[in-house]
Amino acid sequence: MGLPKGSKKLINAWAFYDWANSVYSLVISSAIFPIYFAALFADNNRIDFFGYSVKNTAMISFVTATAFVFVAFMSPLLSGIADYIGNKKRFMKLFVYLGSLSCVGLYWFDLNTIYLGFFFYFLALIGLWSSLVFYNSYLPDIAHPEQQSRASARGFSMGYIGSVLLLLVNLAMVMNPKMFGIAGEGGEASMQAMKYSFVMVGVWWAAFSQIPFHYLPKGTHNRKVSKDILWNGFKELRQVWHQLQGLANLKRFLPAFFLYSTALQTVMLIAAYFGEEEITWASSDEKTMGLIVSILLIQLVAIAGAQLTAKTAEKIGDIQTLIIINVIWASLCVYAYFVTTPIQFYIAAGSVGMVMGGMQALSRATYSKMLPETEDTTSFFSFYDVTEKIGIIIGMSLFGIIDQITGSMRNSILFFLVLFIAGGLLLTQVPAYKNRLKTR
């Protein structure tokens, strides 16, 4: 017999997947891998990609965008099958293990195996974001509407804490590799320590995922897979699209979410690359330490930021809080455009931390509260995730194009500014609500 919906133990078990997977977002996406990637191209920042000379940061943007094209296409396919047979946990496991093993594969990412390295990077992204489709869809299954804002915030907070713990170990390895028995001269030992960090991420992710796998409900359906269910996910997306016409809140919320999420997710994916290239550091060691410290600062501040956002939403409402956060983000874009020194970068990092996690957690909870009563929540969250992924595809593609053409990532910030302003304006058109019953 499984744990009852709304139980503290079940909610904590669900939130523990953030603890498990967030090490990827921190170590791979934000901290260690960007530093490793930049070090590989320290002498030449161009990549010969099938005869085309591509800037290294533009290349990573294009690979990321391509991965999200696959995720956006596969999510409805997989969620449709998972809803039909009633076992989304099985699919969540599949992508967790794909992602974690691909992180281990990043150990072989170097200039001599650049295509293999990008392939593992590509697969790790698919593993993470596809698993999140099923993870997010569990929220209305494990928590009542009045619990969902705090449950969502708890997940992000646990993710920040767990990922920071592993990053601190990885930081110690990179800065003092000999203490961990890692041999090598000069920067070779530090580079080797970074490669070990990728392996540790994979092991951590797979190991701690066993906790949610043990407690999350398996499903209630007992149906056999047939050839007709392959396109169920796209049929369900179409049904969700038609249902939106009668759900005023969702119909108005999703376009706003699409715009500001495009900016938010792209900023999170390229922040470390921006700091590495656009900030004037005194030395290579200062750059490495400075980037990791700034990422740690973001994570630690974000713990408080997520909780503060949840409490603010309870007092003044979810939509009003999201509007305020969009205004803050727009202001940060203006500030970031002129950032050049490490201290300015730290100030920007701390400010980003206050609104980054809170915006993600509150958006997820807000969407969940707007859903109609349904057992097959995966379809609605697949629609939410596809919306988010298409935004990332557009954001990363445009970022890569601007970076490739102008030779500077700084110009892309103006693009993000417009998206946050537009997202905030659209949110003002979303009717206020107090609970799910009032959205129908």
Protein backbone atom coordinates (compact mmCIF):
# COMPACT_ATOMS: atom_id res chain seq x y z
CA MET A 1 0.00 0.00 0.00
CA GLY A 2 1.47 3.32 -1.05
CA LEU A 3 1.67 6.51 0.96
CA PRO A 4 -1.50 8.68 0.91
CA LYS A 5 -1.61 11.83 -1.20
CA GLY A 6 -0.54 14.85 0.84
CA SER A 7 1.56 12.88 3.33
CA LYS A 8 4.75 14.60 4.40
CA LYS A 9 6.83 11.49 3.70
CA LEU A 10 5.52 11.21 0.12
CA ILE A 11 6.07 14.90 -0.61
CA ASN A 12 9.60 14.72 0.78
CA ALA A 13 10.33 11.60 -1.29
CA TRP A 14 9.09 13.38 -4.42
CA ALA A 15 11.15 16.48 -3.62
CA PHE A 16 14.23 14.31 -3.16
CA TYR A 17 14.48 13.90 -6.92
CA ASP A 18 15.52 17.56 -7.01
CA TRP A 19 18.33 16.62 -4.61
CA ALA A 20 19.31 13.81 -7.00
CA ASN A 21 19.20 15.60 -10.36
CA SER A 22 20.18 19.17 -9.46
CA VAL A 23 23.85 18.19 -9.31
CA TYR A 24 23.69 18.00 -13.10
CA SER A 25 22.31 21.53 -13.38
CA LEU A 26 24.95 22.89 -11.01
CA VAL A 27 28.11 20.91 -11.78
CA ILE A 28 27.57 20.19 -15.47
CA SER A 29 25.44 23.08 -16.72
CA SER A 30 26.60 25.89 -14.45
CA ALA A 31 29.96 25.38 -12.77
CA ILE A 32 32.60 22.73 -13.47
CA PHE A 33 31.82 21.76 -17.07
CA PRO A 34 31.76 25.36 -18.43
CA ILE A 35 35.17 25.94 -16.85
CA TYR A 36 36.47 22.66 -18.27
CA PHE A 37 34.98 23.48 -21.67
CA ALA A 38 36.57 26.95 -21.70
CA ALA A 39 39.95 25.50 -20.67
CA LEU A 40 39.85 23.07 -23.60
CA PHE A 41 39.52 26.01 -25.98
CA ALA A 42 41.88 28.39 -24.19
CA ASP A 43 44.24 28.55 -27.18
CA ASN A 44 41.62 28.51 -29.92
CA ASN A 45 37.91 29.17 -29.35
CA ARG A 46 36.87 27.90 -32.79
CA ILE A 47 35.55 24.43 -33.55
CA ASP A 48 35.80 22.85 -36.98
CA PHE A 49 32.33 21.33 -37.26
CA PHE A 50 32.03 19.42 -40.55
CA GLY A 51 33.94 22.12 -42.40
CA TYR A 52 32.35 25.11 -40.63
CA SER A 53 34.27 27.27 -38.16
CA VAL A 54 31.99 27.76 -35.15
CA LYS A 55 32.71 29.74 -31.96
CA ASN A 56 32.91 27.32 -29.02
CA THR A 57 30.19 29.03 -26.93
CA ALA A 58 27.92 29.25 -29.97
CA MET A 59 28.53 25.54 -30.58
CA ILE A 60 27.46 24.53 -27.09
CA SER A 61 24.32 26.67 -27.56
CA PHE A 62 23.44 24.91 -30.81
CA VAL A 63 24.03 21.43 -29.32
CA THR A 64 21.81 22.37 -26.37
CA ALA A 65 19.06 23.68 -28.67
CA THR A 66 19.21 20.48 -30.75
CA ALA A 67 18.86 18.34 -27.63
CA PHE A 68 15.75 20.25 -26.66
CA VAL A 69 14.27 19.70 -30.13
CA PHE A 70 14.47 15.97 -29.37
CA VAL A 71 13.06 16.45 -25.86
CA ALA A 72 10.17 18.56 -27.12
CA PHE A 73 9.30 15.90 -29.70
CA MET A 74 9.77 12.87 -27.44
CA SER A 75 7.98 14.20 -24.36
CA PRO A 76 4.44 13.91 -25.74
CA LEU A 77 5.23 10.50 -27.26
CA LEU A 78 6.47 9.14 -23.94
CA SER A 79 3.91 10.86 -21.72
CA GLY A 80 1.09 9.52 -23.89
CA ILE A 81 2.39 5.97 -23.50
CA ALA A 82 3.03 6.48 -19.78
CA ASP A 83 -0.48 7.81 -19.18
CA TYR A 84 -2.03 5.00 -21.17
CA ILE A 85 -0.28 2.14 -19.38
CA GLY A 86 -0.29 4.03 -16.07
CA ASN A 87 3.40 3.67 -15.23
CA LYS A 88 5.25 6.93 -15.67
CA LYS A 89 7.79 5.84 -13.07
CA ARG A 90 9.21 3.32 -15.54
CA PHE A 91 9.87 6.07 -18.09
CA MET A 92 11.28 8.38 -15.45
CA LYS A 93 13.78 5.65 -14.53
CA LEU A 94 14.75 5.16 -18.17
CA PHE A 95 15.79 8.78 -18.58
CA VAL A 96 17.44 9.03 -15.18
CA TYR A 97 19.77 6.18 -16.10
CA LEU A 98 20.35 7.56 -19.61
CA GLY A 99 21.30 10.94 -18.16
CA SER A 100 23.45 9.63 -15.33
CA LEU A 101 25.41 7.26 -17.57
CA SER A 102 25.94 10.07 -20.09
CA CYS A 103 27.42 12.22 -17.30
CA VAL A 104 29.91 9.43 -16.67
CA GLY A 105 30.58 9.47 -20.43
CA LEU A 106 31.62 13.14 -20.23
CA TYR A 107 34.84 11.84 -18.68
CA TRP A 108 35.95 11.25 -22.30
CA PHE A 109 35.12 14.79 -23.47
CA ASP A 110 38.32 16.27 -24.92
CA LEU A 111 39.62 17.79 -28.15
CA ASN A 112 40.55 14.41 -29.63
CA THR A 113 37.05 13.01 -29.08
CA ILE A 114 35.06 16.22 -29.47
CA TYR A 115 32.17 14.64 -31.37
CA LEU A 116 31.81 11.82 -28.83
CA GLY A 117 31.95 14.40 -26.06
CA PHE A 118 29.17 16.49 -27.56
CA PHE A 119 27.14 13.31 -28.06
CA PHE A 120 27.33 12.47 -24.34
CA TYR A 121 26.52 16.10 -23.49
CA PHE A 122 23.53 15.83 -25.84
CA LEU A 123 22.29 12.58 -24.25
CA ALA A 124 22.72 13.90 -20.70
CA LEU A 125 20.49 16.87 -21.53
CA ILE A 126 17.85 14.55 -22.99
CA GLY A 127 18.01 12.33 -19.90
CA LEU A 128 17.60 15.20 -17.45
CA TRP A 129 14.83 17.14 -19.14
CA SER A 130 12.83 14.08 -20.20
CA SER A 131 12.90 12.75 -16.64
CA LEU A 132 11.61 16.12 -15.41
CA VAL A 133 8.49 15.74 -17.57
CA PHE A 134 7.43 12.78 -15.45
CA TYR A 135 8.75 14.22 -12.19
CA ASN A 136 6.79 17.46 -12.56
CA SER A 137 3.63 15.58 -13.50
CA TYR A 138 3.71 13.83 -10.11
CA LEU A 139 3.15 17.12 -8.23
CA PRO A 140 -0.69 17.12 -8.36
CA ASP A 141 -0.60 13.37 -7.64
CA ILE A 142 1.36 13.64 -4.40
CA ALA A 143 0.19 17.01 -2.98
CA HIS A 144 -3.17 18.75 -2.55
CA PRO A 145 -3.59 22.19 -4.24
CA GLU A 146 -2.95 24.11 -1.03
CA GLN A 147 0.31 22.14 -0.52
CA GLN A 148 1.73 22.46 -4.00
CA SER A 149 3.47 25.85 -3.75
CA ARG A 150 5.42 24.79 -0.67
CA ALA A 151 6.06 21.28 -2.06
CA SER A 152 7.44 22.73 -5.27
CA ALA A 153 9.62 25.20 -3.35
CA ARG A 154 10.81 22.37 -1.09
CA GLY A 155 11.97 20.44 -4.14
CA PHE A 156 14.01 23.35 -5.47
CA SER A 157 15.46 24.05 -2.02
CA MET A 158 16.54 20.42 -1.60
CA GLY A 159 18.08 20.58 -5.05
CA TYR A 160 20.12 23.63 -4.12
CA ILE A 161 21.37 22.07 -0.88
CA GLY A 162 22.32 18.70 -2.42
CA SER A 163 24.01 20.18 -5.45
CA VAL A 164 26.02 22.63 -3.35
CA LEU A 165 27.31 19.79 -1.18
CA LEU A 166 28.66 17.91 -4.20
CA LEU A 167 30.01 21.08 -5.79
CA LEU A 168 32.00 21.86 -2.63
CA VAL A 169 33.65 18.43 -2.87
CA ASN A 170 34.32 18.96 -6.58
CA LEU A 171 35.71 22.43 -5.88
CA ALA A 172 38.13 20.99 -3.32
CA MET A 173 39.20 18.36 -5.88
CA VAL A 174 39.81 20.97 -8.59
CA MET A 175 41.66 23.44 -6.37
CA ASN A 176 43.75 20.83 -4.52
CA PRO A 177 43.85 17.65 -6.65
CA LYS A 178 46.91 16.21 -4.91
CA MET A 179 44.97 15.98 -1.64
CA PHE A 180 42.64 13.54 -3.42
CA GLY A 181 45.48 11.56 -4.97
CA ILE A 182 44.99 13.01 -8.45
CA ALA A 183 48.35 13.16 -10.21
CA GLY A 184 49.42 15.58 -12.92
CA GLU A 185 51.50 18.68 -13.55
CA GLY A 186 50.13 22.22 -13.51
CA GLY A 187 46.59 22.41 -14.76
CA GLU A 188 46.53 18.76 -15.86
CA ALA A 189 45.59 17.54 -12.39
CA SER A 190 42.79 20.10 -12.08
CA MET A 191 41.43 19.11 -15.48
CA GLN A 192 41.50 15.47 -14.41
CA ALA A 193 39.65 16.40 -11.21
CA MET A 194 36.94 18.07 -13.31
CA LYS A 195 36.54 14.85 -15.32
CA TYR A 196 36.14 12.89 -12.09
CA SER A 197 33.48 15.41 -11.10
CA PHE A 198 31.40 14.44 -14.13
CA VAL A 199 31.55 10.79 -13.05
CA MET A 200 30.50 11.72 -9.52
CA VAL A 201 27.49 13.59 -10.86
CA GLY A 202 26.32 10.50 -12.72
CA VAL A 203 26.72 8.26 -9.67
CA TRP A 204 25.03 10.78 -7.32
CA TRP A 205 22.09 11.29 -9.70
CA ALA A 206 21.38 7.57 -10.14
CA ALA A 207 21.94 6.65 -6.48
CA PHE A 208 19.73 9.29 -4.82
CA SER A 209 16.97 8.80 -7.41
CA GLN A 210 16.28 5.46 -5.73
CA ILE A 211 14.48 7.28 -2.89
CA PRO A 212 11.69 8.80 -5.06
CA PHE A 213 11.60 5.61 -7.14
CA HIS A 214 10.80 3.65 -3.98
CA TYR A 215 7.96 5.87 -2.71
CA LEU A 216 6.33 7.47 -5.78
CA PRO A 217 3.13 5.74 -6.91
CA LYS A 218 3.48 3.41 -9.86
CA GLY A 219 0.07 4.11 -11.41
CA THR A 220 -3.46 2.80 -11.41
CA HIS A 221 -3.98 1.55 -14.98
CA ASN A 222 -3.28 -1.96 -16.17
CA ARG A 223 -3.35 -1.71 -19.95
CA LYS A 224 -1.31 -3.44 -22.60
CA VAL A 225 0.74 -1.47 -25.08
CA SER A 226 -0.60 -1.57 -28.63
CA LYS A 227 0.58 0.00 -31.88
CA ASP A 228 -2.20 2.59 -31.65
CA ILE A 229 -0.91 4.30 -28.53
CA LEU A 230 2.38 5.60 -30.02
CA TRP A 231 0.82 8.93 -30.97
CA ASN A 232 -1.40 9.16 -27.90
CA GLY A 233 0.78 11.91 -26.46
CA PHE A 234 0.26 14.18 -29.46
CA LYS A 235 -3.46 13.41 -29.42
CA GLU A 236 -3.49 14.34 -25.72
CA LEU A 237 -1.60 17.56 -26.44
CA ARG A 238 -4.28 18.42 -28.97
CA GLN A 239 -6.96 17.62 -26.40
CA VAL A 240 -5.18 19.82 -23.85
CA TRP A 241 -5.01 22.59 -26.46
CA HIS A 242 -8.80 22.34 -26.97
CA GLN A 243 -9.40 22.21 -23.22
CA LEU A 244 -7.43 25.43 -22.80
CA GLN A 245 -10.22 27.27 -24.61
CA GLY A 246 -12.42 26.67 -21.56
CA LEU A 247 -9.72 27.34 -18.98
CA ALA A 248 -9.25 31.10 -18.97
CA ASN A 249 -6.37 31.14 -16.50
CA LEU A 250 -4.28 28.54 -18.32
CA LYS A 251 -5.02 30.05 -21.71
CA ARG A 252 -3.60 33.38 -20.58
CA PHE A 253 -0.86 32.07 -18.31
CA LEU A 254 0.93 29.83 -20.82
CA PRO A 255 1.90 32.57 -23.36
CA ALA A 256 3.36 34.65 -20.51
CA PHE A 257 5.18 31.59 -19.17
CA PHE A 258 6.53 30.82 -22.65
CA LEU A 259 8.11 34.27 -22.96
CA TYR A 260 9.70 34.67 -19.55
CA SER A 261 10.71 31.00 -19.34
CA THR A 262 12.55 31.34 -22.67
CA ALA A 263 14.67 34.08 -21.12
CA LEU A 264 15.02 32.42 -17.70
CA GLN A 265 16.12 29.00 -18.94
CA THR A 266 18.54 30.45 -21.48
CA VAL A 267 20.13 32.70 -18.85
CA MET A 268 20.59 29.72 -16.53
CA LEU A 269 22.20 27.64 -19.26
CA ILE A 270 24.69 30.30 -20.42
CA ALA A 271 25.46 32.25 -17.22
CA ALA A 272 28.77 30.53 -16.49
CA TYR A 273 29.92 30.84 -20.12
CA PHE A 274 29.10 34.57 -19.94
CA GLY A 275 31.12 34.96 -16.75
CA GLU A 276 34.04 33.07 -18.24
CA GLU A 277 34.21 35.12 -21.44
CA GLU A 278 32.79 38.59 -20.70
CA ILE A 279 34.21 39.32 -17.23
CA THR A 280 37.74 40.66 -16.81
CA TRP A 281 39.54 38.29 -14.42
CA ALA A 282 43.06 38.93 -13.11
CA SER A 283 44.24 35.37 -13.73
CA SER A 284 43.13 31.91 -14.74
CA ASP A 285 42.99 30.76 -11.09
CA GLU A 286 40.91 33.79 -10.11
CA LYS A 287 38.54 33.01 -12.97
CA THR A 288 38.07 29.40 -11.86
CA MET A 289 37.53 30.34 -8.22
CA GLY A 290 35.38 33.35 -9.11
CA LEU A 291 33.03 31.41 -11.35
CA ILE A 292 32.53 28.62 -8.83
CA VAL A 293 32.04 31.10 -5.97
CA SER A 294 29.44 33.00 -8.00
CA ILE A 295 27.57 29.78 -8.80
CA LEU A 296 27.67 28.77 -5.13
CA LEU A 297 26.37 32.21 -4.22
CA ILE A 298 23.46 31.79 -6.62
CA GLN A 299 22.57 28.40 -5.14
CA LEU A 300 22.76 29.48 -1.50
CA VAL A 301 20.78 32.67 -2.04
CA ALA A 302 18.26 30.74 -4.14
CA ILE A 303 17.33 28.54 -1.15
CA ALA A 304 16.09 31.61 0.70
CA GLY A 305 14.69 33.07 -2.51
CA ALA A 306 12.48 30.05 -3.22
CA GLN A 307 11.04 30.08 0.29
CA LEU A 308 10.55 33.85 0.25
CA THR A 309 8.77 33.63 -3.10
CA ALA A 310 6.41 30.92 -1.80
CA LYS A 311 5.53 33.00 1.28
CA THR A 312 5.03 36.15 -0.81
CA ALA A 313 2.73 34.23 -3.16
CA GLU A 314 0.63 33.08 -0.23
CA LYS A 315 0.17 36.69 0.87
CA ILE A 316 -0.37 38.59 -2.39
CA GLY A 317 -1.10 35.80 -4.89
CA ASP A 318 0.90 33.72 -7.36
CA ILE A 319 0.36 35.88 -10.44
CA GLN A 320 1.16 39.15 -8.67
CA THR A 321 4.36 37.62 -7.31
CA LEU A 322 5.40 36.40 -10.77
CA ILE A 323 4.82 39.87 -12.20
CA ILE A 324 7.12 41.37 -9.57
CA ILE A 325 9.80 38.75 -10.31
CA ASN A 326 9.63 39.56 -14.03
CA VAL A 327 10.20 43.23 -13.25
CA ILE A 328 13.21 42.31 -11.11
CA TRP A 329 14.61 40.10 -13.89
CA ALA A 330 14.20 42.89 -16.44
CA SER A 331 16.13 45.23 -14.13
CA LEU A 332 18.88 42.62 -13.74
CA CYS A 333 19.21 42.37 -17.53
CA VAL A 334 19.88 46.09 -17.73
CA TYR A 335 22.48 45.81 -14.95
CA ALA A 336 24.12 42.68 -16.44
CA TYR A 337 24.65 44.37 -19.81
CA PHE A 338 27.17 46.73 -18.17
CA VAL A 339 28.85 44.17 -15.88
CA THR A 340 32.59 43.80 -16.53
CA THR A 341 34.35 43.28 -13.17
CA PRO A 342 34.29 40.30 -10.80
CA ILE A 343 32.61 42.25 -7.97
CA GLN A 344 29.85 43.37 -10.33
CA PHE A 345 29.44 39.77 -11.44
CA TYR A 346 29.08 38.62 -7.82
CA ILE A 347 26.39 41.24 -7.20
CA ALA A 348 24.54 40.07 -10.31
CA ALA A 349 24.90 36.42 -9.22
CA GLY A 350 23.45 37.09 -5.77
CA SER A 351 20.53 39.00 -7.26
CA VAL A 352 19.85 36.25 -9.80
CA GLY A 353 19.80 33.67 -7.00
CA MET A 354 17.02 35.50 -5.19
CA VAL A 355 14.63 35.26 -8.14
CA MET A 356 15.83 32.23 -10.13
CA GLY A 357 14.55 29.28 -8.12
CA GLY A 358 11.53 31.14 -6.83
CA MET A 359 10.34 31.83 -10.36
CA GLN A 360 10.74 28.19 -11.41
CA ALA A 361 9.05 26.76 -8.33
CA LEU A 362 6.17 29.24 -8.37
CA SER A 363 5.56 28.78 -12.10
CA ARG A 364 5.32 25.01 -11.66
CA ALA A 365 2.98 25.33 -8.69
CA THR A 366 0.85 28.02 -10.37
CA TYR A 367 0.33 25.84 -13.41
CA SER A 368 -0.49 22.82 -11.25
CA LYS A 369 -3.20 24.74 -9.37
CA MET A 370 -4.84 25.80 -12.62
CA LEU A 371 -5.30 22.25 -13.90
CA PRO A 372 -8.78 20.76 -14.09
CA GLU A 373 -9.49 17.64 -12.05
CA THR A 374 -7.91 14.75 -13.95
CA GLU A 375 -6.05 11.51 -13.26
CA ASP A 376 -3.78 11.83 -16.29
CA THR A 377 -1.81 14.89 -15.17
CA THR A 378 1.15 13.88 -17.35
CA SER A 379 -0.60 15.20 -20.46
CA PHE A 380 -1.01 18.67 -18.98
CA PHE A 381 2.54 18.72 -17.69
CA SER A 382 3.79 17.45 -21.03
CA PHE A 383 2.11 20.48 -22.61
CA TYR A 384 3.79 22.67 -19.97
CA ASP A 385 7.16 21.06 -20.60
CA VAL A 386 6.86 21.25 -24.39
CA THR A 387 6.06 24.95 -24.02
CA GLU A 388 9.18 25.35 -21.88
CA LYS A 389 11.38 23.32 -24.24
CA ILE A 390 10.30 25.21 -27.37
CA GLY A 391 11.23 28.39 -25.50
CA ILE A 392 14.68 26.97 -24.72
CA ILE A 393 15.15 25.92 -28.36
CA ILE A 394 14.35 29.44 -29.53
CA GLY A 395 16.35 31.09 -26.74
CA MET A 396 19.51 29.01 -27.17
CA SER A 397 19.35 29.19 -30.97
CA LEU A 398 19.00 32.97 -31.01
CA PHE A 399 21.69 33.29 -28.37
CA GLY A 400 24.06 31.14 -30.43
CA ILE A 401 23.32 33.10 -33.60
CA ILE A 402 23.88 36.47 -31.90
CA ASP A 403 27.08 35.16 -30.28
CA GLN A 404 28.37 33.72 -33.57
CA ILE A 405 27.59 36.85 -35.62
CA THR A 406 28.63 39.57 -33.16
CA GLY A 407 31.38 37.63 -31.35
CA SER A 408 29.97 38.71 -27.96
CA MET A 409 27.39 37.14 -25.64
CA ARG A 410 26.64 40.53 -24.09
CA ASN A 411 24.34 41.57 -26.94
CA SER A 412 21.95 38.69 -26.18
CA ILE A 413 21.04 40.24 -22.83
CA LEU A 414 18.92 42.87 -24.59
CA PHE A 415 16.90 40.01 -26.10
CA PHE A 416 16.24 38.61 -22.61
CA LEU A 417 15.19 42.04 -21.36
CA VAL A 418 12.41 42.25 -23.95
CA LEU A 419 11.14 38.75 -23.07
CA PHE A 420 10.90 39.45 -19.34
CA ILE A 421 9.04 42.71 -19.94
CA ALA A 422 6.62 41.04 -22.37
CA GLY A 423 6.07 38.10 -20.01
CA GLY A 424 5.28 40.42 -17.12
CA LEU A 425 2.81 42.41 -19.20
CA LEU A 426 0.97 39.25 -20.30
CA LEU A 427 0.75 38.08 -16.69
CA THR A 428 -1.29 41.18 -15.86
CA GLN A 429 -4.02 39.71 -18.10
CA VAL A 430 -4.28 36.46 -16.11
CA PRO A 431 -7.34 36.47 -13.79
CA ALA A 432 -6.62 36.08 -10.09
CA TYR A 433 -7.52 32.78 -8.46
CA LYS A 434 -7.42 31.16 -5.04
CA ASN A 435 -7.74 27.46 -5.78
CA ARG A 436 -8.27 24.97 -8.55
CA LEU A 437 -12.06 24.95 -8.26
CA LYS A 438 -12.24 28.60 -9.28
CA THR A 439 -10.34 28.03 -12.51
CA ARG A 440 -12.99 25.84 -14.08
